[in-house]
């Protein structure tokens, strides 16, 4: 009776020390390739979202992909995070896992080493983020208080387009023109355009 020999399965081992690029561009920007132009990357992750957008699936994939010894490369700090506080958390999370983080524009590299200067820099960033938020809240409170003193109601931020332009925008979208082209012409984001089309903005 002949003996059946099962084929040997060879597992492909992932190479450590990879250079992984992260790029974030707006939905209207098609030039993400220029952010890390000239840098040899083993893998890249690209999110098309605004800085305020908390949905960044490619960043989540990157966080699950990188391993100890890898280096995450970004064009600039504002490409990785929504704000300074978010930046501080992301950099700390990655470096604590032994992943280096390099920012090309600022010419800064954060490593997993217990560097007092790195901790100081990240702490300063976090402090600025908190200070920035406090300033915004204070200005909002002052604006509301002034509006009440003048006998008016606080109506919040004004929309980008007046009634005539908003009407023209809806007409052109309904006629089948490119939403991207219209948004660029009117100087607004696609998300704002959709609000006008839906009637949520006047």
C-alpha atoms as a PDB file:
ATOM      1  CA  UNK A   1       0.000   0.000   0.000  1.00  0.00           C
ATOM      2  CA  UNK A   2       1.529   3.278  -1.086  1.00  0.00           C
ATOM      3  CA  UNK A   3       1.931   6.021   1.466  1.00  0.00           C
ATOM      4  CA  UNK A   4       0.394   9.431   0.680  1.00  0.00           C
ATOM      5  CA  UNK A   5       2.843  12.255   1.191  1.00  0.00           C
ATOM      6  CA  UNK A   6       1.205  15.597   1.876  1.00  0.00           C
ATOM      7  CA  UNK A   7       2.878  18.617   0.281  1.00  0.00           C
ATOM      8  CA  UNK A   8       4.893  20.813   2.610  1.00  0.00           C
ATOM      9  CA  UNK A   9       3.411  24.283   3.075  1.00  0.00           C
ATOM     10  CA  UNK A  10       6.005  27.018   3.280  1.00  0.00           C
ATOM     11  CA  UNK A  11       4.916  30.084   5.204  1.00  0.00           C
ATOM     12  CA  UNK A  12       6.092  33.404   3.832  1.00  0.00           C
ATOM     13  CA  UNK A  13       7.617  35.348   6.675  1.00  0.00           C
ATOM     14  CA  UNK A  14       6.910  39.066   6.699  1.00  0.00           C
ATOM     15  CA  UNK A  15      10.088  41.105   6.458  1.00  0.00           C
ATOM     16  CA  UNK A  16      10.691  43.279   9.495  1.00  0.00           C
ATOM     17  CA  UNK A  17      11.893  46.851   9.299  1.00  0.00           C
ATOM     18  CA  UNK A  18       9.518  47.916   6.554  1.00  0.00           C
ATOM     19  CA  UNK A  19       9.051  51.547   5.544  1.00  0.00           C
ATOM     20  CA  UNK A  20       5.307  52.192   5.510  1.00  0.00           C
ATOM     21  CA  UNK A  21       3.852  55.405   4.109  1.00  0.00           C
ATOM     22  CA  UNK A  22       0.632  57.045   5.251  1.00  0.00           C
ATOM     23  CA  UNK A  23      -1.024  59.696   3.071  1.00  0.00           C
ATOM     24  CA  UNK A  24      -4.212  61.645   3.715  1.00  0.00           C
ATOM     25  CA  UNK A  25      -5.732  63.853   1.058  1.00  0.00           C
ATOM     26  CA  UNK A  26      -9.064  65.567   0.579  1.00  0.00           C
ATOM     27  CA  UNK A  27     -11.655  64.021  -1.711  1.00  0.00           C
ATOM     28  CA  UNK A  28     -10.840  66.720  -4.281  1.00  0.00           C
ATOM     29  CA  UNK A  29      -7.066  66.317  -4.184  1.00  0.00           C
ATOM     30  CA  UNK A  30      -5.646  63.775  -6.614  1.00  0.00           C
ATOM     31  CA  UNK A  31      -1.977  64.561  -5.971  1.00  0.00           C
ATOM     32  CA  UNK A  32      -1.279  62.320  -2.975  1.00  0.00           C
ATOM     33  CA  UNK A  33       1.662  60.739  -4.787  1.00  0.00           C
ATOM     34  CA  UNK A  34       3.626  63.981  -4.371  1.00  0.00           C
ATOM     35  CA  UNK A  35       3.429  63.878  -0.578  1.00  0.00           C
ATOM     36  CA  UNK A  36       6.092  61.160  -0.333  1.00  0.00           C
ATOM     37  CA  UNK A  37       7.676  61.641  -3.728  1.00  0.00           C
ATOM     38  CA  UNK A  38      11.181  60.154  -3.951  1.00  0.00           C
ATOM     39  CA  UNK A  39      10.806  57.932  -0.871  1.00  0.00           C
ATOM     40  CA  UNK A  40      11.015  54.155  -1.354  1.00  0.00           C
ATOM     41  CA  UNK A  41       8.105  52.544   0.482  1.00  0.00           C
ATOM     42  CA  UNK A  42       7.411  48.880   1.123  1.00  0.00           C
ATOM     43  CA  UNK A  43       3.714  49.627   1.525  1.00  0.00           C
ATOM     44  CA  UNK A  44       1.459  52.666   1.505  1.00  0.00           C
ATOM     45  CA  UNK A  45      -1.952  53.482   2.956  1.00  0.00           C
ATOM     46  CA  UNK A  46      -4.018  56.353   1.538  1.00  0.00           C
ATOM     47  CA  UNK A  47      -7.111  57.912   3.131  1.00  0.00           C
ATOM     48  CA  UNK A  48      -9.225  60.424   1.225  1.00  0.00           C
ATOM     49  CA  UNK A  49     -10.819  62.457   3.983  1.00  0.00           C
ATOM     50  CA  UNK A  50     -10.773  65.909   5.546  1.00  0.00           C
ATOM     51  CA  UNK A  51      -8.895  66.616   8.751  1.00  0.00           C
ATOM     52  CA  UNK A  52     -12.196  66.682  10.694  1.00  0.00           C
ATOM     53  CA  UNK A  53     -13.282  63.276   9.401  1.00  0.00           C
ATOM     54  CA  UNK A  54     -12.909  60.652  12.130  1.00  0.00           C
ATOM     55  CA  UNK A  55     -13.438  57.811   9.635  1.00  0.00           C
ATOM     56  CA  UNK A  56      -9.957  56.910   8.408  1.00  0.00           C
ATOM     57  CA  UNK A  57     -10.074  53.205   7.517  1.00  0.00           C
ATOM     58  CA  UNK A  58      -6.635  53.107   5.913  1.00  0.00           C
ATOM     59  CA  UNK A  59      -5.047  54.514   9.068  1.00  0.00           C
ATOM     60  CA  UNK A  60      -6.737  51.728  11.032  1.00  0.00           C
ATOM     61  CA  UNK A  61      -5.342  49.173   8.574  1.00  0.00           C
ATOM     62  CA  UNK A  62      -1.886  50.700   8.969  1.00  0.00           C
ATOM     63  CA  UNK A  63      -2.083  50.458  12.764  1.00  0.00           C
ATOM     64  CA  UNK A  64      -2.880  46.775  12.438  1.00  0.00           C
ATOM     65  CA  UNK A  65      -0.207  46.153   9.806  1.00  0.00           C
ATOM     66  CA  UNK A  66       2.941  47.713  11.271  1.00  0.00           C
ATOM     67  CA  UNK A  67       5.259  45.700  13.489  1.00  0.00           C
ATOM     68  CA  UNK A  68       8.174  46.398  15.806  1.00  0.00           C
ATOM     69  CA  UNK A  69      11.108  47.693  13.793  1.00  0.00           C
ATOM     70  CA  UNK A  70       8.960  49.287  11.068  1.00  0.00           C
ATOM     71  CA  UNK A  71       8.976  52.998  10.253  1.00  0.00           C
ATOM     72  CA  UNK A  72       5.827  54.975   9.436  1.00  0.00           C
ATOM     73  CA  UNK A  73       6.550  57.909   7.134  1.00  0.00           C
ATOM     74  CA  UNK A  74       4.213  60.907   6.665  1.00  0.00           C
ATOM     75  CA  UNK A  75       4.677  64.049   4.626  1.00  0.00           C
ATOM     76  CA  UNK A  76       3.684  66.269   7.569  1.00  0.00           C
ATOM     77  CA  UNK A  77       2.169  66.052  11.027  1.00  0.00           C
ATOM     78  CA  UNK A  78      -1.215  67.368   9.893  1.00  0.00           C
ATOM     79  CA  UNK A  79      -1.463  64.483   7.408  1.00  0.00           C
ATOM     80  CA  UNK A  80      -1.385  61.859  10.173  1.00  0.00           C
ATOM     81  CA  UNK A  81      -3.713  63.394  12.737  1.00  0.00           C
ATOM     82  CA  UNK A  82      -6.845  65.550  12.980  1.00  0.00           C
ATOM     83  CA  UNK A  83      -5.363  67.746  15.704  1.00  0.00           C
ATOM     84  CA  UNK A  84      -2.363  67.934  17.993  1.00  0.00           C
ATOM     85  CA  UNK A  85      -3.943  65.810  20.705  1.00  0.00           C
ATOM     86  CA  UNK A  86      -4.732  63.090  18.165  1.00  0.00           C
ATOM     87  CA  UNK A  87      -1.159  63.347  16.869  1.00  0.00           C
ATOM     88  CA  UNK A  88       0.294  62.869  20.335  1.00  0.00           C
ATOM     89  CA  UNK A  89      -1.812  59.767  20.972  1.00  0.00           C
ATOM     90  CA  UNK A  90      -0.965  58.181  17.625  1.00  0.00           C
ATOM     91  CA  UNK A  91       2.764  58.809  17.931  1.00  0.00           C
ATOM     92  CA  UNK A  92       2.855  57.437  21.483  1.00  0.00           C
ATOM     93  CA  UNK A  93       0.858  54.346  20.494  1.00  0.00           C
ATOM     94  CA  UNK A  94       3.191  53.567  17.605  1.00  0.00           C
ATOM     95  CA  UNK A  95       6.481  54.265  19.377  1.00  0.00           C
ATOM     96  CA  UNK A  96       5.438  52.225  22.418  1.00  0.00           C
ATOM     97  CA  UNK A  97       5.058  49.293  20.016  1.00  0.00           C
ATOM     98  CA  UNK A  98       8.586  49.843  18.728  1.00  0.00           C
ATOM     99  CA  UNK A  99       7.489  51.546  15.503  1.00  0.00           C
ATOM    100  CA  UNK A 100       9.377  54.660  14.422  1.00  0.00           C
ATOM    101  CA  UNK A 101       7.410  57.648  13.102  1.00  0.00           C
ATOM    102  CA  UNK A 102       9.033  60.073  10.651  1.00  0.00           C
ATOM    103  CA  UNK A 103       7.635  63.391   9.408  1.00  0.00           C
ATOM    104  CA  UNK A 104       9.310  64.655   6.251  1.00  0.00           C
ATOM    105  CA  UNK A 105       8.218  68.307   6.298  1.00  0.00           C
ATOM    106  CA  UNK A 106       9.182  68.890   9.930  1.00  0.00           C
ATOM    107  CA  UNK A 107      12.292  66.686   9.627  1.00  0.00           C
ATOM    108  CA  UNK A 108      11.373  64.928  12.882  1.00  0.00           C
ATOM    109  CA  UNK A 109      11.634  61.244  13.804  1.00  0.00           C
ATOM    110  CA  UNK A 110      10.113  59.695  16.918  1.00  0.00           C
ATOM    111  CA  UNK A 111      11.418  56.339  18.129  1.00  0.00           C
ATOM    112  CA  UNK A 112      10.592  53.910  20.887  1.00  0.00           C
ATOM    113  CA  UNK A 113      13.628  55.028  22.860  1.00  0.00           C
ATOM    114  CA  UNK A 114      12.926  56.725  26.166  1.00  0.00           C
ATOM    115  CA  UNK A 115      14.103  60.120  24.983  1.00  0.00           C
ATOM    116  CA  UNK A 116      13.404  63.065  27.327  1.00  0.00           C
ATOM    117  CA  UNK A 117      13.339  65.422  24.337  1.00  0.00           C
ATOM    118  CA  UNK A 118      10.713  63.312  22.543  1.00  0.00           C
ATOM    119  CA  UNK A 119       8.526  63.191  25.641  1.00  0.00           C
ATOM    120  CA  UNK A 120       8.920  66.952  26.085  1.00  0.00           C
ATOM    121  CA  UNK A 121       8.026  67.659  22.452  1.00  0.00           C
ATOM    122  CA  UNK A 122       4.933  65.468  22.569  1.00  0.00           C
ATOM    123  CA  UNK A 123       3.862  66.978  25.891  1.00  0.00           C
ATOM    124  CA  UNK A 124       4.207  70.485  24.446  1.00  0.00           C
ATOM    125  CA  UNK A 125       2.095  69.421  21.454  1.00  0.00           C
ATOM    126  CA  UNK A 126      -0.580  68.080  23.785  1.00  0.00           C
ATOM    127  CA  UNK A 127      -0.541  71.290  25.825  1.00  0.00           C
ATOM    128  CA  UNK A 128      -0.959  73.382  22.682  1.00  0.00           C
ATOM    129  CA  UNK A 129      -3.874  71.189  21.589  1.00  0.00           C
ATOM    130  CA  UNK A 130      -5.652  71.765  24.913  1.00  0.00           C
ATOM    131  CA  UNK A 131      -4.874  75.496  24.774  1.00  0.00           C
ATOM    132  CA  UNK A 132      -6.256  75.672  21.228  1.00  0.00           C
ATOM    133  CA  UNK A 133      -9.517  73.970  22.245  1.00  0.00           C
ATOM    134  CA  UNK A 134      -9.897  76.235  25.270  1.00  0.00           C
ATOM    135  CA  UNK A 135      -9.421  79.331  23.089  1.00  0.00           C
ATOM    136  CA  UNK A 136     -12.077  78.158  20.628  1.00  0.00           C
ATOM    137  CA  UNK A 137     -14.578  77.491  23.431  1.00  0.00           C
ATOM    138  CA  UNK A 138     -13.825  80.872  25.016  1.00  0.00           C
ATOM    139  CA  UNK A 139     -14.383  82.703  21.719  1.00  0.00           C
ATOM    140  CA  UNK A 140     -17.671  80.860  21.238  1.00  0.00           C
ATOM    141  CA  UNK A 141     -18.839  81.862  24.731  1.00  0.00           C
ATOM    142  CA  UNK A 142     -17.836  85.498  24.133  1.00  0.00           C
ATOM    143  CA  UNK A 143     -19.649  85.531  20.769  1.00  0.00           C
ATOM    144  CA  UNK A 144     -22.849  84.160  22.297  1.00  0.00           C
ATOM    145  CA  UNK A 145     -22.670  86.651  25.188  1.00  0.00           C
ATOM    146  CA  UNK A 146     -22.163  89.606  22.815  1.00  0.00           C
ATOM    147  CA  UNK A 147     -25.062  88.485  20.618  1.00  0.00           C
ATOM    148  CA  UNK A 148     -27.352  88.323  23.652  1.00  0.00           C
ATOM    149  CA  UNK A 149     -26.244  91.783  24.852  1.00  0.00           C
ATOM    150  CA  UNK A 150     -27.119  93.214  21.448  1.00  0.00           C
ATOM    151  CA  UNK A 151     -30.571  91.689  21.707  1.00  0.00           C
ATOM    152  CA  UNK A 152     -30.032  89.148  18.979  1.00  0.00           C
ATOM    153  CA  UNK A 153     -29.911  85.419  18.908  1.00  0.00           C
ATOM    154  CA  UNK A 154     -26.759  83.420  18.341  1.00  0.00           C
ATOM    155  CA  UNK A 155     -27.236  81.744  14.975  1.00  0.00           C
ATOM    156  CA  UNK A 156     -23.896  80.041  14.666  1.00  0.00           C
ATOM    157  CA  UNK A 157     -21.623  79.918  11.656  1.00  0.00           C
ATOM    158  CA  UNK A 158     -22.906  81.437   8.413  1.00  0.00           C
ATOM    159  CA  UNK A 159     -23.103  79.311   5.310  1.00  0.00           C
ATOM    160  CA  UNK A 160     -20.608  79.835   2.510  1.00  0.00           C
ATOM    161  CA  UNK A 161     -23.089  80.752  -0.251  1.00  0.00           C
ATOM    162  CA  UNK A 162     -25.880  83.292  -0.465  1.00  0.00           C
ATOM    163  CA  UNK A 163     -29.387  82.283  -1.574  1.00  0.00           C
ATOM    164  CA  UNK A 164     -28.799  83.087  -5.258  1.00  0.00           C
ATOM    165  CA  UNK A 165     -25.616  81.056  -5.486  1.00  0.00           C
ATOM    166  CA  UNK A 166     -27.153  78.175  -3.563  1.00  0.00           C
ATOM    167  CA  UNK A 167     -30.052  78.117  -6.036  1.00  0.00           C
ATOM    168  CA  UNK A 168     -27.643  78.133  -8.978  1.00  0.00           C
ATOM    169  CA  UNK A 169     -25.637  75.312  -7.410  1.00  0.00           C
ATOM    170  CA  UNK A 170     -28.737  73.117  -7.047  1.00  0.00           C
ATOM    171  CA  UNK A 171     -29.794  73.865 -10.629  1.00  0.00           C
ATOM    172  CA  UNK A 172     -26.407  72.908 -12.049  1.00  0.00           C
ATOM    173  CA  UNK A 173     -26.207  69.714 -10.002  1.00  0.00           C
ATOM    174  CA  UNK A 174     -29.719  68.770 -11.163  1.00  0.00           C
ATOM    175  CA  UNK A 175     -28.647  69.338 -14.782  1.00  0.00           C
ATOM    176  CA  UNK A 176     -25.954  66.701 -14.397  1.00  0.00           C
ATOM    177  CA  UNK A 177     -22.797  68.807 -14.087  1.00  0.00           C
ATOM    178  CA  UNK A 178     -19.797  67.356 -12.223  1.00  0.00           C
ATOM    179  CA  UNK A 179     -20.217  67.855  -8.476  1.00  0.00           C
ATOM    180  CA  UNK A 180     -16.450  68.010  -8.036  1.00  0.00           C
ATOM    181  CA  UNK A 181     -16.091  70.739 -10.657  1.00  0.00           C
ATOM    182  CA  UNK A 182     -18.973  72.741  -9.146  1.00  0.00           C
ATOM    183  CA  UNK A 183     -17.509  72.453  -5.634  1.00  0.00           C
ATOM    184  CA  UNK A 184     -14.145  73.728  -6.870  1.00  0.00           C
ATOM    185  CA  UNK A 185     -15.750  76.620  -8.754  1.00  0.00           C
ATOM    186  CA  UNK A 186     -17.811  77.706  -5.736  1.00  0.00           C
ATOM    187  CA  UNK A 187     -14.874  77.207  -3.359  1.00  0.00           C
ATOM    188  CA  UNK A 188     -16.643  74.753  -1.073  1.00  0.00           C
ATOM    189  CA  UNK A 189     -16.082  71.142  -0.007  1.00  0.00           C
ATOM    190  CA  UNK A 190     -18.076  68.302  -1.532  1.00  0.00           C
ATOM    191  CA  UNK A 191     -19.719  67.684   1.853  1.00  0.00           C
ATOM    192  CA  UNK A 192     -20.960  71.287   1.871  1.00  0.00           C
ATOM    193  CA  UNK A 193     -22.222  70.879  -1.696  1.00  0.00           C
ATOM    194  CA  UNK A 194     -24.246  67.824  -0.668  1.00  0.00           C
ATOM    195  CA  UNK A 195     -25.830  69.817   2.177  1.00  0.00           C
ATOM    196  CA  UNK A 196     -26.975  72.471  -0.284  1.00  0.00           C
ATOM    197  CA  UNK A 197     -28.357  69.828  -2.654  1.00  0.00           C
ATOM    198  CA  UNK A 198     -30.217  68.169   0.202  1.00  0.00           C
ATOM    199  CA  UNK A 199     -31.656  71.509   1.263  1.00  0.00           C
ATOM    200  CA  UNK A 200     -29.856  71.501   4.613  1.00  0.00           C
ATOM    201  CA  UNK A 201     -28.085  74.749   3.808  1.00  0.00           C
ATOM    202  CA  UNK A 202     -29.801  77.939   2.690  1.00  0.00           C
END
